[in-house]
Amino acid sequence: MKLIAIDLDGTLLNSESVPSLNNLEAIKNSLSRNHRVAICTGRASYDVAYLLGKEVKIPIIGANGSTIHDHNGELLYKVCLDKSTSKKIIHYFQENNMYFEIFTNEAIYSTYNGESKLKAEIDIVRSANPSLDEKVLWKSAIQQTKQFGIKPTKNMNEILEKEIDVYKIMTFTYNEELLEKTRRYFLLEEKVSLTAASEHTVELIPRLANKGAALKFLSKHYHISLDDVIVIGDSYNDISMFSVGGTKVAMGNAIDEIKKMSSFITRDNDKDGVAYALNNLLGI
């Protein structure tokens, strides 16, 4: 295989939202054997670069396909939300008092009082179901509030007054009814696509953006046939790249839809599932 596209959350990253040493070593071994490796994630590219560290320089498909950077960090491709669409999305989240984030080329701008807002939601959820573990619920929000490049911002509307690229706007909430309402509201919005990296999120990206389309672009850029591409993932936003990859690897913790599309099911993300898959498929 000539190109390996790896998702981050729930895939390369463990439940503590960090890559294991074994997974990083497997990537380095793959690179040393002349396989190209790319990250394909909903995260911002600068967040990915921070997580991987200075030793691992590989292409990054970020913001669910809205951006593509090569191994040197050069921007190869971008597709953005226009200002009118961005304003509509921001207005909706503000009207519904939701925590949200705006992914841009400068930073990830987030709701200023985000942590307190999400903790208040947890209190409401637990009041209806006291058996739920508060620590488990909060852990699922940590990756949102602790991303590299995140900037809590009091006036989110001012961001759009800048000359800035908006790649993605997403919300995180424990209110399942509000999540479903949000999906229905934006489902027919002609300029956006909806996706999700976890059960508590709705991510709004440009209509032309998705991991599959970005992976096609990257494979063509490197003159690699899609038949020679391995994709590794776990969640809904990985479905488009599973639709184009030649060999499809589902994590042990993947959703059923991903497992049904897979060629191979590896271990889960807390048991070095990426390293296990690469060791078996590539013999490294």
C-alpha atoms as a PDB file:
ATOM      1  CA  MET A   1       0.000   0.000   0.000  1.00  0.00           C
ATOM      2  CA  LYS A   2       1.294   3.449  -0.916  1.00  0.00           C
ATOM      3  CA  LEU A   3      -0.903   5.802   1.162  1.00  0.00           C
ATOM      4  CA  ILE A   4      -2.359   5.276   4.626  1.00  0.00           C
ATOM      5  CA  ALA A   5      -5.054   7.728   5.790  1.00  0.00           C
ATOM      6  CA  ILE A   6      -5.658   7.660   9.543  1.00  0.00           C
ATOM      7  CA  ASP A   7      -8.420   9.326  11.540  1.00  0.00           C
ATOM      8  CA  LEU A   8      -7.529  10.849  14.924  1.00  0.00           C
ATOM      9  CA  ASP A   9     -10.223  10.802  17.628  1.00  0.00           C
ATOM     10  CA  GLY A  10     -11.276   7.272  18.454  1.00  0.00           C
ATOM     11  CA  THR A  11      -8.592   5.948  16.091  1.00  0.00           C
ATOM     12  CA  LEU A  12      -4.992   7.137  16.431  1.00  0.00           C
ATOM     13  CA  LEU A  13      -5.789   8.862  19.731  1.00  0.00           C
ATOM     14  CA  ASN A  14      -6.685   6.864  22.822  1.00  0.00           C
ATOM     15  CA  SER A  15      -9.443   7.732  25.308  1.00  0.00           C
ATOM     16  CA  GLU A  16      -7.098  10.292  26.877  1.00  0.00           C
ATOM     17  CA  SER A  17      -6.945  12.071  23.476  1.00  0.00           C
ATOM     18  CA  VAL A  18      -3.255  11.369  22.896  1.00  0.00           C
ATOM     19  CA  PRO A  19      -1.469   9.055  20.417  1.00  0.00           C
ATOM     20  CA  SER A  20       0.231   6.054  22.011  1.00  0.00           C
ATOM     21  CA  LEU A  21       3.957   5.498  21.580  1.00  0.00           C
ATOM     22  CA  ASN A  22       3.236   2.237  19.737  1.00  0.00           C
ATOM     23  CA  ASN A  23       0.944   3.980  17.246  1.00  0.00           C
ATOM     24  CA  LEU A  24       3.497   6.718  16.586  1.00  0.00           C
ATOM     25  CA  GLU A  25       6.240   4.126  16.159  1.00  0.00           C
ATOM     26  CA  ALA A  26       4.106   2.232  13.645  1.00  0.00           C
ATOM     27  CA  ILE A  27       3.669   5.439  11.624  1.00  0.00           C
ATOM     28  CA  LYS A  28       7.416   6.089  11.671  1.00  0.00           C
ATOM     29  CA  ASN A  29       8.105   2.507  10.581  1.00  0.00           C
ATOM     30  CA  SER A  30       5.611   2.860   7.732  1.00  0.00           C
ATOM     31  CA  LEU A  31       7.291   6.058   6.566  1.00  0.00           C
ATOM     32  CA  SER A  32      10.726   4.424   6.718  1.00  0.00           C
ATOM     33  CA  ARG A  33       9.453   1.743   4.330  1.00  0.00           C
ATOM     34  CA  ASN A  34       8.338   4.362   1.799  1.00  0.00           C
ATOM     35  CA  HIS A  35       4.631   4.264   2.583  1.00  0.00           C
ATOM     36  CA  ARG A  36       2.980   7.681   2.686  1.00  0.00           C
ATOM     37  CA  VAL A  37       0.924   8.344   5.808  1.00  0.00           C
ATOM     38  CA  ALA A  38      -1.655  11.116   6.198  1.00  0.00           C
ATOM     39  CA  ILE A  39      -3.953  12.191   8.996  1.00  0.00           C
ATOM     40  CA  CYS A  40      -7.596  12.617   7.980  1.00  0.00           C
ATOM     41  CA  THR A  41      -9.565  14.305  10.754  1.00  0.00           C
ATOM     42  CA  GLY A  42     -12.181  16.796  11.797  1.00  0.00           C
ATOM     43  CA  ARG A  43      -9.569  18.642  13.842  1.00  0.00           C
ATOM     44  CA  ALA A  44      -7.687  21.732  12.723  1.00  0.00           C
ATOM     45  CA  SER A  45      -4.341  21.127  11.040  1.00  0.00           C
ATOM     46  CA  TYR A  46      -2.394  23.084  13.669  1.00  0.00           C
ATOM     47  CA  ASP A  47      -4.002  21.009  16.421  1.00  0.00           C
ATOM     48  CA  VAL A  48      -2.930  17.829  14.602  1.00  0.00           C
ATOM     49  CA  ALA A  49       0.651  19.058  14.156  1.00  0.00           C
ATOM     50  CA  TYR A  50       0.827  19.809  17.880  1.00  0.00           C
ATOM     51  CA  LEU A  51      -0.449  16.337  18.807  1.00  0.00           C
ATOM     52  CA  LEU A  52       1.984  14.530  16.502  1.00  0.00           C
ATOM     53  CA  GLY A  53       5.032  16.509  17.584  1.00  0.00           C
ATOM     54  CA  LYS A  54       7.983  17.759  15.575  1.00  0.00           C
ATOM     55  CA  GLU A  55       9.308  14.296  14.669  1.00  0.00           C
ATOM     56  CA  VAL A  56       6.280  13.264  12.595  1.00  0.00           C
ATOM     57  CA  LYS A  57       5.740  15.479   9.548  1.00  0.00           C
ATOM     58  CA  ILE A  58       3.032  14.077   7.313  1.00  0.00           C
ATOM     59  CA  PRO A  59       0.159  15.422   5.172  1.00  0.00           C
ATOM     60  CA  ILE A  60      -2.933  16.509   7.093  1.00  0.00           C
ATOM     61  CA  ILE A  61      -6.510  16.539   5.858  1.00  0.00           C
ATOM     62  CA  GLY A  62      -8.195  18.807   8.406  1.00  0.00           C
ATOM     63  CA  ALA A  63     -11.662  20.095   9.302  1.00  0.00           C
ATOM     64  CA  ASN A  64     -13.273  17.020   7.726  1.00  0.00           C
ATOM     65  CA  GLY A  65     -11.786  17.736   4.304  1.00  0.00           C
ATOM     66  CA  SER A  66     -12.000  21.534   4.247  1.00  0.00           C
ATOM     67  CA  THR A  67      -8.196  21.829   4.260  1.00  0.00           C
ATOM     68  CA  ILE A  68      -5.296  19.759   2.932  1.00  0.00           C
ATOM     69  CA  HIS A  69      -1.681  20.444   3.940  1.00  0.00           C
ATOM     70  CA  ASP A  70       1.359  18.559   2.659  1.00  0.00           C
ATOM     71  CA  HIS A  71       4.099  17.088   4.865  1.00  0.00           C
ATOM     72  CA  ASN A  72       5.862  20.466   4.978  1.00  0.00           C
ATOM     73  CA  GLY A  73       2.746  22.240   6.207  1.00  0.00           C
ATOM     74  CA  GLU A  74       2.042  23.930   2.883  1.00  0.00           C
ATOM     75  CA  LEU A  75      -1.649  24.447   2.116  1.00  0.00           C
ATOM     76  CA  LEU A  76      -2.588  22.446  -0.977  1.00  0.00           C
ATOM     77  CA  TYR A  77      -6.350  22.924  -0.945  1.00  0.00           C
ATOM     78  CA  LYS A  78      -9.104  24.679   0.980  1.00  0.00           C
ATOM     79  CA  VAL A  79     -12.845  25.132   0.762  1.00  0.00           C
ATOM     80  CA  CYS A  80     -14.590  27.632   3.043  1.00  0.00           C
ATOM     81  CA  LEU A  81     -17.990  28.552   4.383  1.00  0.00           C
ATOM     82  CA  ASP A  82     -19.086  31.934   3.003  1.00  0.00           C
ATOM     83  CA  LYS A  83     -19.850  34.767   5.409  1.00  0.00           C
ATOM     84  CA  SER A  84     -23.628  34.757   4.982  1.00  0.00           C
ATOM     85  CA  THR A  85     -23.823  31.020   5.691  1.00  0.00           C
ATOM     86  CA  SER A  86     -21.448  31.380   8.647  1.00  0.00           C
ATOM     87  CA  LYS A  87     -23.590  34.189  10.072  1.00  0.00           C
ATOM     88  CA  LYS A  88     -26.716  32.063   9.776  1.00  0.00           C
ATOM     89  CA  ILE A  89     -25.059  29.171  11.608  1.00  0.00           C
ATOM     90  CA  ILE A  90     -23.653  31.396  14.360  1.00  0.00           C
ATOM     91  CA  HIS A  91     -27.036  33.123  14.815  1.00  0.00           C
ATOM     92  CA  TYR A  92     -28.755  29.749  15.215  1.00  0.00           C
ATOM     93  CA  PHE A  93     -26.298  28.558  17.880  1.00  0.00           C
ATOM     94  CA  GLN A  94     -26.548  31.855  19.764  1.00  0.00           C
ATOM     95  CA  GLU A  95     -30.361  31.868  19.623  1.00  0.00           C
ATOM     96  CA  ASN A  96     -30.388  28.368  21.122  1.00  0.00           C
ATOM     97  CA  ASN A  97     -27.710  29.226  23.737  1.00  0.00           C
ATOM     98  CA  MET A  98     -25.399  26.455  22.504  1.00  0.00           C
ATOM     99  CA  TYR A  99     -21.685  25.942  22.915  1.00  0.00           C
ATOM    100  CA  PHE A 100     -20.001  26.134  19.511  1.00  0.00           C
ATOM    101  CA  GLU A 101     -16.630  26.505  17.790  1.00  0.00           C
ATOM    102  CA  ILE A 102     -15.534  28.250  14.595  1.00  0.00           C
ATOM    103  CA  PHE A 103     -12.569  26.613  12.846  1.00  0.00           C
ATOM    104  CA  THR A 104     -10.501  29.145  10.899  1.00  0.00           C
ATOM    105  CA  ASN A 105      -7.041  29.540   9.417  1.00  0.00           C
ATOM    106  CA  GLU A 106      -6.090  31.634  12.466  1.00  0.00           C
ATOM    107  CA  ALA A 107      -7.523  29.731  15.426  1.00  0.00           C
ATOM    108  CA  ILE A 108     -10.452  27.747  16.758  1.00  0.00           C
ATOM    109  CA  TYR A 109     -12.765  30.351  18.270  1.00  0.00           C
ATOM    110  CA  SER A 110     -15.042  28.959  20.965  1.00  0.00           C
ATOM    111  CA  THR A 111     -17.870  30.135  23.201  1.00  0.00           C
ATOM    112  CA  TYR A 112     -16.293  32.241  25.948  1.00  0.00           C
ATOM    113  CA  ASN A 113     -17.996  30.510  28.899  1.00  0.00           C
ATOM    114  CA  GLY A 114     -17.891  27.127  27.203  1.00  0.00           C
ATOM    115  CA  GLU A 115     -16.769  24.944  30.090  1.00  0.00           C
ATOM    116  CA  SER A 116     -19.355  26.335  32.508  1.00  0.00           C
ATOM    117  CA  LYS A 117     -22.074  25.994  29.852  1.00  0.00           C
ATOM    118  CA  LEU A 118     -21.245  22.327  29.250  1.00  0.00           C
ATOM    119  CA  LYS A 119     -20.983  21.568  32.973  1.00  0.00           C
ATOM    120  CA  ALA A 120     -24.412  23.123  33.468  1.00  0.00           C
ATOM    121  CA  GLU A 121     -25.744  20.812  30.751  1.00  0.00           C
ATOM    122  CA  ILE A 122     -24.229  17.834  32.584  1.00  0.00           C
ATOM    123  CA  ASP A 123     -26.087  18.854  35.759  1.00  0.00           C
ATOM    124  CA  ILE A 124     -29.361  18.932  33.822  1.00  0.00           C
ATOM    125  CA  VAL A 125     -28.714  15.545  32.221  1.00  0.00           C
ATOM    126  CA  ARG A 126     -27.797  13.960  35.564  1.00  0.00           C
ATOM    127  CA  SER A 127     -30.843  15.436  37.292  1.00  0.00           C
ATOM    128  CA  ALA A 128     -32.959  13.404  34.874  1.00  0.00           C
ATOM    129  CA  ASN A 129     -30.698  10.352  35.105  1.00  0.00           C
ATOM    130  CA  PRO A 130     -28.625  10.340  38.341  1.00  0.00           C
ATOM    131  CA  SER A 131     -26.991   7.018  37.444  1.00  0.00           C
ATOM    132  CA  LEU A 132     -24.881   8.706  34.753  1.00  0.00           C
ATOM    133  CA  ASP A 133     -21.238   9.220  35.728  1.00  0.00           C
ATOM    134  CA  GLU A 134     -20.352  12.918  35.753  1.00  0.00           C
ATOM    135  CA  LYS A 135     -16.654  12.187  35.112  1.00  0.00           C
ATOM    136  CA  VAL A 136     -17.451  10.050  32.069  1.00  0.00           C
ATOM    137  CA  LEU A 137     -19.743  12.732  30.648  1.00  0.00           C
ATOM    138  CA  TRP A 138     -17.174  15.491  31.154  1.00  0.00           C
ATOM    139  CA  LYS A 139     -14.387  13.413  29.636  1.00  0.00           C
ATOM    140  CA  SER A 140     -16.223  13.427  26.304  1.00  0.00           C
ATOM    141  CA  ALA A 141     -16.067  17.237  26.244  1.00  0.00           C
ATOM    142  CA  ILE A 142     -12.376  17.534  27.121  1.00  0.00           C
ATOM    143  CA  GLN A 143     -11.151  17.161  23.540  1.00  0.00           C
ATOM    144  CA  GLN A 144     -13.302  20.161  22.579  1.00  0.00           C
ATOM    145  CA  THR A 145     -12.159  22.535  25.302  1.00  0.00           C
ATOM    146  CA  LYS A 146      -8.473  21.513  25.301  1.00  0.00           C
ATOM    147  CA  GLN A 147      -7.621  21.627  21.588  1.00  0.00           C
ATOM    148  CA  PHE A 148      -4.405  23.356  20.568  1.00  0.00           C
ATOM    149  CA  GLY A 149      -5.196  26.744  19.046  1.00  0.00           C
ATOM    150  CA  ILE A 150      -8.548  27.190  20.777  1.00  0.00           C
ATOM    151  CA  LYS A 151      -9.458  30.760  21.752  1.00  0.00           C
ATOM    152  CA  PRO A 152     -12.516  31.407  23.946  1.00  0.00           C
ATOM    153  CA  THR A 153     -14.141  34.524  22.516  1.00  0.00           C
ATOM    154  CA  LYS A 154     -16.754  36.878  23.964  1.00  0.00           C
ATOM    155  CA  ASN A 155     -18.052  38.264  20.652  1.00  0.00           C
ATOM    156  CA  MET A 156     -18.118  35.513  18.044  1.00  0.00           C
ATOM    157  CA  ASN A 157     -19.790  37.812  15.498  1.00  0.00           C
ATOM    158  CA  GLU A 158     -16.679  40.000  15.315  1.00  0.00           C
ATOM    159  CA  ILE A 159     -14.687  37.101  13.882  1.00  0.00           C
ATOM    160  CA  LEU A 160     -16.541  37.348  10.582  1.00  0.00           C
ATOM    161  CA  GLU A 161     -15.584  41.000  10.250  1.00  0.00           C
ATOM    162  CA  LYS A 162     -11.989  39.885   9.669  1.00  0.00           C
ATOM    163  CA  GLU A 163     -10.474  38.682   6.408  1.00  0.00           C
ATOM    164  CA  ILE A 164     -10.520  35.115   7.582  1.00  0.00           C
ATOM    165  CA  ASP A 165     -11.186  31.614   6.243  1.00  0.00           C
ATOM    166  CA  VAL A 166     -13.956  29.673   8.018  1.00  0.00           C
ATOM    167  CA  TYR A 167     -13.547  25.941   7.462  1.00  0.00           C
ATOM    168  CA  LYS A 168     -16.037  24.470   9.895  1.00  0.00           C
ATOM    169  CA  ILE A 169     -18.529  25.456  12.597  1.00  0.00           C
ATOM    170  CA  MET A 170     -19.550  22.820  15.095  1.00  0.00           C
ATOM    171  CA  THR A 171     -21.527  22.418  18.291  1.00  0.00           C
ATOM    172  CA  PHE A 172     -21.161  20.098  21.263  1.00  0.00           C
ATOM    173  CA  THR A 173     -24.132  19.499  23.533  1.00  0.00           C
ATOM    174  CA  TYR A 174     -25.515  16.810  25.815  1.00  0.00           C
ATOM    175  CA  ASN A 175     -29.051  17.855  24.835  1.00  0.00           C
ATOM    176  CA  GLU A 176     -30.014  15.119  22.358  1.00  0.00           C
ATOM    177  CA  GLU A 177     -33.313  16.798  21.492  1.00  0.00           C
ATOM    178  CA  LEU A 178     -31.492  20.004  20.564  1.00  0.00           C
ATOM    179  CA  LEU A 179     -28.929  18.069  18.534  1.00  0.00           C
ATOM    180  CA  GLU A 180     -31.677  16.444  16.502  1.00  0.00           C
ATOM    181  CA  LYS A 181     -33.411  19.790  16.042  1.00  0.00           C
ATOM    182  CA  THR A 182     -30.109  21.228  14.780  1.00  0.00           C
ATOM    183  CA  ARG A 183     -29.627  18.382  12.293  1.00  0.00           C
ATOM    184  CA  ARG A 184     -33.136  18.895  10.903  1.00  0.00           C
ATOM    185  CA  TYR A 185     -32.697  22.674  10.687  1.00  0.00           C
ATOM    186  CA  PHE A 186     -29.513  22.506   8.595  1.00  0.00           C
ATOM    187  CA  LEU A 187     -30.268  19.343   6.644  1.00  0.00           C
ATOM    188  CA  LEU A 188     -31.631  21.268   3.660  1.00  0.00           C
ATOM    189  CA  GLU A 189     -29.133  24.144   3.841  1.00  0.00           C
ATOM    190  CA  GLU A 190     -27.727  24.057   0.305  1.00  0.00           C
ATOM    191  CA  LYS A 191     -24.237  25.329   1.120  1.00  0.00           C
ATOM    192  CA  VAL A 192     -23.377  23.008   4.012  1.00  0.00           C
ATOM    193  CA  SER A 193     -22.940  19.329   4.781  1.00  0.00           C
ATOM    194  CA  LEU A 194     -23.549  17.776   8.182  1.00  0.00           C
ATOM    195  CA  THR A 195     -21.262  15.284   9.837  1.00  0.00           C
ATOM    196  CA  ALA A 196     -20.191  14.218  13.341  1.00  0.00           C
ATOM    197  CA  ALA A 197     -17.124  12.838  15.057  1.00  0.00           C
ATOM    198  CA  SER A 198     -18.952  11.823  18.249  1.00  0.00           C
ATOM    199  CA  GLU A 199     -22.442  11.294  19.564  1.00  0.00           C
ATOM    200  CA  HIS A 200     -22.645  14.793  21.114  1.00  0.00           C
ATOM    201  CA  THR A 201     -21.679  16.841  18.073  1.00  0.00           C
ATOM    202  CA  VAL A 202     -23.012  18.321  14.866  1.00  0.00           C
ATOM    203  CA  GLU A 203     -20.376  19.644  12.475  1.00  0.00           C
ATOM    204  CA  LEU A 204     -21.250  21.999   9.626  1.00  0.00           C
ATOM    205  CA  ILE A 205     -18.765  22.099   6.755  1.00  0.00           C
ATOM    206  CA  PRO A 206     -18.852  23.413   3.173  1.00  0.00           C
ATOM    207  CA  ARG A 207     -20.976  21.298   0.843  1.00  0.00           C
ATOM    208  CA  LEU A 208     -17.946  20.269  -1.229  1.00  0.00           C
ATOM    209  CA  ALA A 209     -15.903  19.227   1.809  1.00  0.00           C
ATOM    210  CA  ASN A 210     -15.594  15.664   3.068  1.00  0.00           C
ATOM    211  CA  LYS A 211     -12.790  13.272   3.902  1.00  0.00           C
ATOM    212  CA  GLY A 212     -13.395  11.140   0.820  1.00  0.00           C
ATOM    213  CA  ALA A 213     -13.094  14.029  -1.639  1.00  0.00           C
ATOM    214  CA  ALA A 214      -9.981  15.296   0.146  1.00  0.00           C
ATOM    215  CA  LEU A 215      -8.432  11.833   0.060  1.00  0.00           C
ATOM    216  CA  LYS A 216      -9.051  11.653  -3.698  1.00  0.00           C
ATOM    217  CA  PHE A 217      -7.292  15.006  -4.087  1.00  0.00           C
ATOM    218  CA  LEU A 218      -4.329  13.918  -1.964  1.00  0.00           C
ATOM    219  CA  SER A 219      -3.895  10.570  -3.715  1.00  0.00           C
ATOM    220  CA  LYS A 220      -3.957  12.316  -7.100  1.00  0.00           C
ATOM    221  CA  HIS A 221      -1.440  14.886  -5.829  1.00  0.00           C
ATOM    222  CA  TYR A 222       0.971  12.081  -4.950  1.00  0.00           C
ATOM    223  CA  HIS A 223       0.098  10.024  -8.068  1.00  0.00           C
ATOM    224  CA  ILE A 224      -1.283   7.137  -6.011  1.00  0.00           C
ATOM    225  CA  SER A 225      -4.178   4.935  -7.089  1.00  0.00           C
ATOM    226  CA  LEU A 226      -7.082   4.743  -4.632  1.00  0.00           C
ATOM    227  CA  ASP A 227      -6.687   0.965  -4.810  1.00  0.00           C
ATOM    228  CA  ASP A 228      -3.368   1.489  -3.028  1.00  0.00           C
ATOM    229  CA  VAL A 229      -4.896   3.494  -0.175  1.00  0.00           C
ATOM    230  CA  ILE A 230      -5.563   2.178   3.332  1.00  0.00           C
ATOM    231  CA  VAL A 231      -8.112   4.089   5.424  1.00  0.00           C
ATOM    232  CA  ILE A 232      -8.434   3.632   9.185  1.00  0.00           C
ATOM    233  CA  GLY A 233     -11.332   5.120  11.157  1.00  0.00           C
ATOM    234  CA  ASP A 234     -14.179   4.686  13.583  1.00  0.00           C
ATOM    235  CA  SER A 235     -17.027   7.189  13.175  1.00  0.00           C
ATOM    236  CA  TYR A 236     -19.595   8.841  10.918  1.00  0.00           C
ATOM    237  CA  ASN A 237     -17.216  11.411   9.464  1.00  0.00           C
ATOM    238  CA  ASP A 238     -15.033   8.535   8.207  1.00  0.00           C
ATOM    239  CA  ILE A 239     -17.747   7.029   5.987  1.00  0.00           C
ATOM    240  CA  SER A 240     -16.816   9.146   2.949  1.00  0.00           C
ATOM    241  CA  MET A 241     -13.158   8.066   3.076  1.00  0.00           C
ATOM    242  CA  PHE A 242     -14.207   4.430   3.562  1.00  0.00           C
ATOM    243  CA  SER A 243     -16.186   4.830   0.348  1.00  0.00           C
ATOM    244  CA  VAL A 244     -13.035   5.598  -1.663  1.00  0.00           C
ATOM    245  CA  GLY A 245     -10.208   3.721   0.091  1.00  0.00           C
ATOM    246  CA  GLY A 246      -8.964   0.433  -1.316  1.00  0.00           C
ATOM    247  CA  THR A 247      -8.434  -1.258   2.058  1.00  0.00           C
ATOM    248  CA  LYS A 248     -10.790  -0.202   4.841  1.00  0.00           C
ATOM    249  CA  VAL A 249      -9.774  -0.761   8.472  1.00  0.00           C
ATOM    250  CA  ALA A 250     -12.375  -0.301  11.201  1.00  0.00           C
ATOM    251  CA  MET A 251     -11.319   0.226  14.773  1.00  0.00           C
ATOM    252  CA  GLY A 252     -12.583  -2.246  17.354  1.00  0.00           C
ATOM    253  CA  ASN A 253     -14.521   0.647  18.896  1.00  0.00           C
ATOM    254  CA  ALA A 254     -15.962   1.782  15.533  1.00  0.00           C
ATOM    255  CA  ILE A 255     -19.659   2.330  14.871  1.00  0.00           C
ATOM    256  CA  ASP A 256     -21.504  -0.499  13.113  1.00  0.00           C
ATOM    257  CA  GLU A 257     -21.745   1.410   9.810  1.00  0.00           C
ATOM    258  CA  ILE A 258     -17.945   1.602   9.597  1.00  0.00           C
ATOM    259  CA  LYS A 259     -17.471  -2.034  10.574  1.00  0.00           C
ATOM    260  CA  LYS A 260     -19.883  -3.132   7.845  1.00  0.00           C
ATOM    261  CA  MET A 261     -17.817  -1.252   5.239  1.00  0.00           C
ATOM    262  CA  SER A 262     -14.479  -2.590   6.486  1.00  0.00           C
ATOM    263  CA  SER A 263     -11.997  -5.038   4.981  1.00  0.00           C
ATOM    264  CA  PHE A 264     -10.353  -5.594   8.368  1.00  0.00           C
ATOM    265  CA  ILE A 265     -11.308  -4.888  11.988  1.00  0.00           C
ATOM    266  CA  THR A 266      -8.429  -4.039  14.281  1.00  0.00           C
ATOM    267  CA  ARG A 267      -8.150  -3.562  18.048  1.00  0.00           C
ATOM    268  CA  ASP A 268      -9.743  -0.570  19.730  1.00  0.00           C
ATOM    269  CA  ASN A 269      -8.100   2.821  20.222  1.00  0.00           C
ATOM    270  CA  ASP A 270      -6.981   2.030  23.789  1.00  0.00           C
ATOM    271  CA  LYS A 271      -5.178  -1.108  22.606  1.00  0.00           C
ATOM    272  CA  ASP A 272      -2.961   0.373  19.862  1.00  0.00           C
ATOM    273  CA  GLY A 273      -5.425  -0.526  17.126  1.00  0.00           C
ATOM    274  CA  VAL A 274      -3.608   1.525  14.470  1.00  0.00           C
ATOM    275  CA  ALA A 275      -0.255  -0.125  15.217  1.00  0.00           C
ATOM    276  CA  TYR A 276      -1.880  -3.566  15.201  1.00  0.00           C
ATOM    277  CA  ALA A 277      -3.451  -2.917  11.798  1.00  0.00           C
ATOM    278  CA  LEU A 278      -0.276  -1.559  10.207  1.00  0.00           C
ATOM    279  CA  ASN A 279       1.851  -4.359  11.637  1.00  0.00           C
ATOM    280  CA  ASN A 280      -0.499  -6.957  10.154  1.00  0.00           C
ATOM    281  CA  LEU A 281      -1.233  -5.318   6.803  1.00  0.00           C
ATOM    282  CA  LEU A 282       2.265  -4.054   6.059  1.00  0.00           C
ATOM    283  CA  GLY A 283       4.346  -6.586   7.955  1.00  0.00           C
ATOM    284  CA  ILE A 284       6.254  -3.906   9.870  1.00  0.00           C
END
